[in-house]
Structure formats: C-alpha cells, structure tokens
Protein backbone atom coordinates (compact mmCIF):
# COMPACT_ATOMS: atom_id res chain seq x y z
CA UNK A 1 -164.71 12.44 -118.94
CA UNK A 2 -167.48 10.32 -117.46
CA UNK A 3 -167.33 7.16 -115.34
CA UNK A 4 -169.23 4.24 -116.90
CA UNK A 5 -168.18 1.39 -114.61
CA UNK A 6 -165.85 0.52 -111.75
CA UNK A 7 -164.75 -2.99 -110.71
CA UNK A 8 -162.42 -4.36 -108.08
CA UNK A 9 -160.37 -7.42 -109.08
CA UNK A 10 -158.51 -7.69 -105.77
CA UNK A 11 -159.17 -6.56 -102.23
CA UNK A 12 -156.73 -7.81 -99.60
CA UNK A 13 -156.02 -6.77 -96.02
CA UNK A 14 -153.50 -8.25 -93.63
CA UNK A 15 -152.33 -7.31 -90.16
CA UNK A 16 -148.99 -8.92 -89.32
CA UNK A 17 -147.65 -7.41 -86.10
CA UNK A 18 -148.81 -5.41 -83.16
CA UNK A 19 -149.20 -1.75 -83.92
CA UNK A 20 -146.92 0.81 -82.34
CA UNK A 21 -147.41 4.51 -81.73
CA UNK A 22 -145.85 6.76 -84.37
CA UNK A 23 -146.25 4.31 -87.24
CA UNK A 24 -145.78 5.38 -90.85
CA UNK A 25 -148.79 5.03 -93.13
CA UNK A 26 -147.83 5.16 -96.80
CA UNK A 27 -150.33 5.12 -99.65
CA UNK A 28 -149.32 4.26 -103.20
CA UNK A 29 -151.71 4.65 -106.13
CA UNK A 30 -150.70 3.83 -109.68
CA UNK A 31 -152.31 3.26 -113.02
CA UNK A 32 -151.25 -0.10 -114.41
CA UNK A 33 -152.85 -0.13 -117.88
CA UNK A 34 -154.90 1.97 -120.29
CA UNK A 35 -156.73 0.39 -123.22
CA UNK A 36 -159.36 1.48 -125.69
CA UNK A 37 -162.60 -0.50 -125.45
CA UNK A 38 -165.38 -1.07 -127.96
CA UNK A 39 -168.87 -0.10 -126.84
CA UNK A 40 -171.43 0.38 -129.59
CA UNK A 41 -173.74 2.54 -127.48
CA UNK A 42 -171.17 5.34 -127.21
CA UNK A 43 -171.11 7.19 -130.50
CA UNK A 44 -169.59 10.57 -129.60
CA UNK A 45 -167.24 9.40 -126.82
CA UNK A 46 -164.29 7.00 -126.72
CA UNK A 47 -164.51 4.28 -124.04
CA UNK A 48 -161.26 3.54 -122.19
CA UNK A 49 -160.48 0.84 -119.66
CA UNK A 50 -158.07 2.11 -116.99
CA UNK A 51 -156.55 -0.46 -114.62
CA UNK A 52 -155.10 0.55 -111.26
CA UNK A 53 -153.58 -0.67 -108.02
CA UNK A 54 -153.52 1.00 -104.62
CA UNK A 55 -151.74 -0.07 -101.45
CA UNK A 56 -151.80 1.28 -97.93
CA UNK A 57 -148.76 0.10 -95.96
CA UNK A 58 -148.37 0.44 -92.19
CA UNK A 59 -144.76 0.25 -91.08
CA UNK A 60 -142.80 0.77 -87.88
CA UNK A 61 -141.74 4.27 -86.86
CA UNK A 62 -139.13 6.37 -88.65
CA UNK A 63 -136.61 5.90 -85.84
CA UNK A 64 -136.18 2.21 -86.54
CA UNK A 65 -133.13 1.41 -88.67
CA UNK A 66 -135.08 -1.20 -90.60
CA UNK A 67 -138.76 -0.44 -90.99
CA UNK A 68 -140.97 -3.45 -90.50
CA UNK A 69 -144.28 -3.81 -92.32
CA UNK A 70 -147.05 -4.20 -89.75
CA UNK A 71 -150.12 -4.23 -91.98
CA UNK A 72 -151.08 -3.84 -95.62
CA UNK A 73 -154.27 -3.15 -97.56
CA UNK A 74 -154.24 -3.75 -101.31
CA UNK A 75 -156.75 -2.90 -104.01
CA UNK A 76 -156.62 -3.63 -107.73
CA UNK A 77 -159.25 -3.09 -110.35
CA UNK A 78 -160.33 -1.26 -113.43
CA UNK A 79 -162.74 1.44 -114.46
CA UNK A 80 -164.42 2.18 -117.72
CA UNK A 81 -164.58 5.82 -118.68
CA UNK A 82 -166.08 7.71 -121.59
CA UNK A 83 -163.63 10.34 -122.77
CA UNK A 84 -163.74 12.85 -125.57
CA UNK A 85 -161.80 11.73 -128.62
CA UNK A 86 -159.12 14.38 -127.95
CA UNK A 87 -158.63 13.27 -124.32
CA UNK A 88 -158.60 9.61 -125.36
CA UNK A 89 -155.96 10.19 -128.05
CA UNK A 90 -153.83 12.22 -125.64
CA UNK A 91 -154.09 9.58 -122.91
CA UNK A 92 -153.37 6.62 -125.21
CA UNK A 93 -150.42 8.44 -126.80
CA UNK A 94 -148.87 9.37 -123.45
CA UNK A 95 -149.55 5.90 -122.01
CA UNK A 96 -147.16 4.41 -124.58
CA UNK A 97 -144.46 6.12 -122.46
CA UNK A 98 -146.25 5.02 -119.24
CA UNK A 99 -147.21 8.63 -118.51
CA UNK A 100 -150.57 10.28 -117.93
CA UNK A 101 -151.23 13.99 -118.51
CA UNK A 102 -151.99 15.74 -115.21
CA UNK A 103 -155.27 17.15 -116.56
CA UNK A 104 -156.50 13.57 -116.99
CA UNK A 105 -154.59 11.97 -114.10
CA UNK A 106 -156.18 14.07 -111.35
CA UNK A 107 -159.81 13.17 -112.18
CA UNK A 108 -158.85 9.48 -112.56
CA UNK A 109 -157.07 9.44 -109.18
CA UNK A 110 -160.04 11.19 -107.56
CA UNK A 111 -162.41 8.47 -108.80
CA UNK A 112 -160.10 5.69 -107.59
CA UNK A 113 -159.48 7.32 -104.20
CA UNK A 114 -163.20 7.89 -103.68
CA UNK A 115 -164.05 4.25 -104.34
CA UNK A 116 -161.07 2.72 -102.50
CA UNK A 117 -161.20 4.97 -99.44
CA UNK A 118 -164.66 3.75 -98.47
CA UNK A 119 -163.53 0.12 -98.61
CA UNK A 120 -160.24 0.91 -96.87
CA UNK A 121 -162.00 2.60 -93.96
CA UNK A 122 -164.19 -0.46 -93.47
CA UNK A 123 -161.17 -2.80 -93.54
CA UNK A 124 -159.21 -0.57 -91.18
CA UNK A 125 -162.06 -0.67 -88.69
CA UNK A 126 -162.34 -4.46 -88.90
CA UNK A 127 -158.57 -4.95 -88.44
CA UNK A 128 -158.32 -2.23 -85.79
CA UNK A 129 -155.88 -0.15 -87.84
CA UNK A 130 -155.44 3.61 -87.73
CA UNK A 131 -157.22 5.53 -90.48
CA UNK A 132 -155.00 6.05 -93.52
CA UNK A 133 -156.20 9.56 -94.28
CA UNK A 134 -154.87 11.03 -91.08
CA UNK A 135 -157.56 13.35 -89.82
CA UNK A 136 -156.49 16.33 -87.74
CA UNK A 137 -157.55 16.33 -84.13
CA UNK A 138 -160.14 18.97 -83.54
CA UNK A 139 -160.11 20.86 -80.29
CA UNK A 140 -163.29 22.53 -79.22
CA UNK A 141 -163.17 26.29 -79.58
CA UNK A 142 -164.51 28.35 -76.69
CA UNK A 143 -167.70 30.14 -77.54
CA UNK A 144 -167.97 33.82 -76.94
CA UNK A 145 -171.15 35.20 -75.43
CA UNK A 146 -172.21 38.56 -76.71
C-alpha cells in the first residue's frame, strides 16, 4: 500500500474553559468512508479514497461527576492510496460492514496519525493546551565515572 495524496477538509480548534490539572485527553480516530477511485496512470494498483475524522477532546478530571469539555481539536480529510488488487478487494468487501481488516487498518491509522499529529501539536501550542500524546517526564540519570 502506497500513499498517493493526503488532504484535510476540516481543521478546527477551540478552547472553551480554563484548563485544570489532571484533565482527561481523549483521542478518537475513525475511518468514515472507503471508495474506489479511477486513476488511469495506475495500471497494476487499485486507487482507493479513504476518508477519516480525528478528534482530540480535553475534559475535566475523572473525579467530576459530569465531565465538562474544555477544549477540542477536530480534523477531517481524505487520503488516496494505491493498494494491491487483493488488499483493495478485501478492504472494499469488509467496508460494506463498516469494518477494516487490522492488517490494512494499522498502516492507514499510522498515516493519519503522522499527518494530524504535526498539525495538532501546532494548534496545541497556539491555544496553550497540553500535548495530546502525553510524553513521559524524563529524569536525568546520574553518570558513573569509571
């Protein structure tokens, strides 16, 4: 499977309330549509258009009885991929049931996450939001002299 093109159709970011320590950051990524495309230049591969949406939602801490949404980042778009005829048939057949085989789903999600994460990090910095991929805090390790 090879990526031919990637397009965003929606990028939205909103900060509603003041941020509190211990907030929940939930990320949701889903494929919304899979269609076969016609591209004359691809003879041995089948072009597929895969549409997606991703949201990053910041909500109040777990202790609150009713979680309140504090901020939200939303992406929507599509990508054009060139898949082998076997992979394309398998994906289109399973998509009729709104399912995606894991062998195909993982590479698709990796492409989407790679493209969206860069934009999300920029938006998080501009809105002064915590990073959605929570990075572990590194503590310096003492060096040993030999």
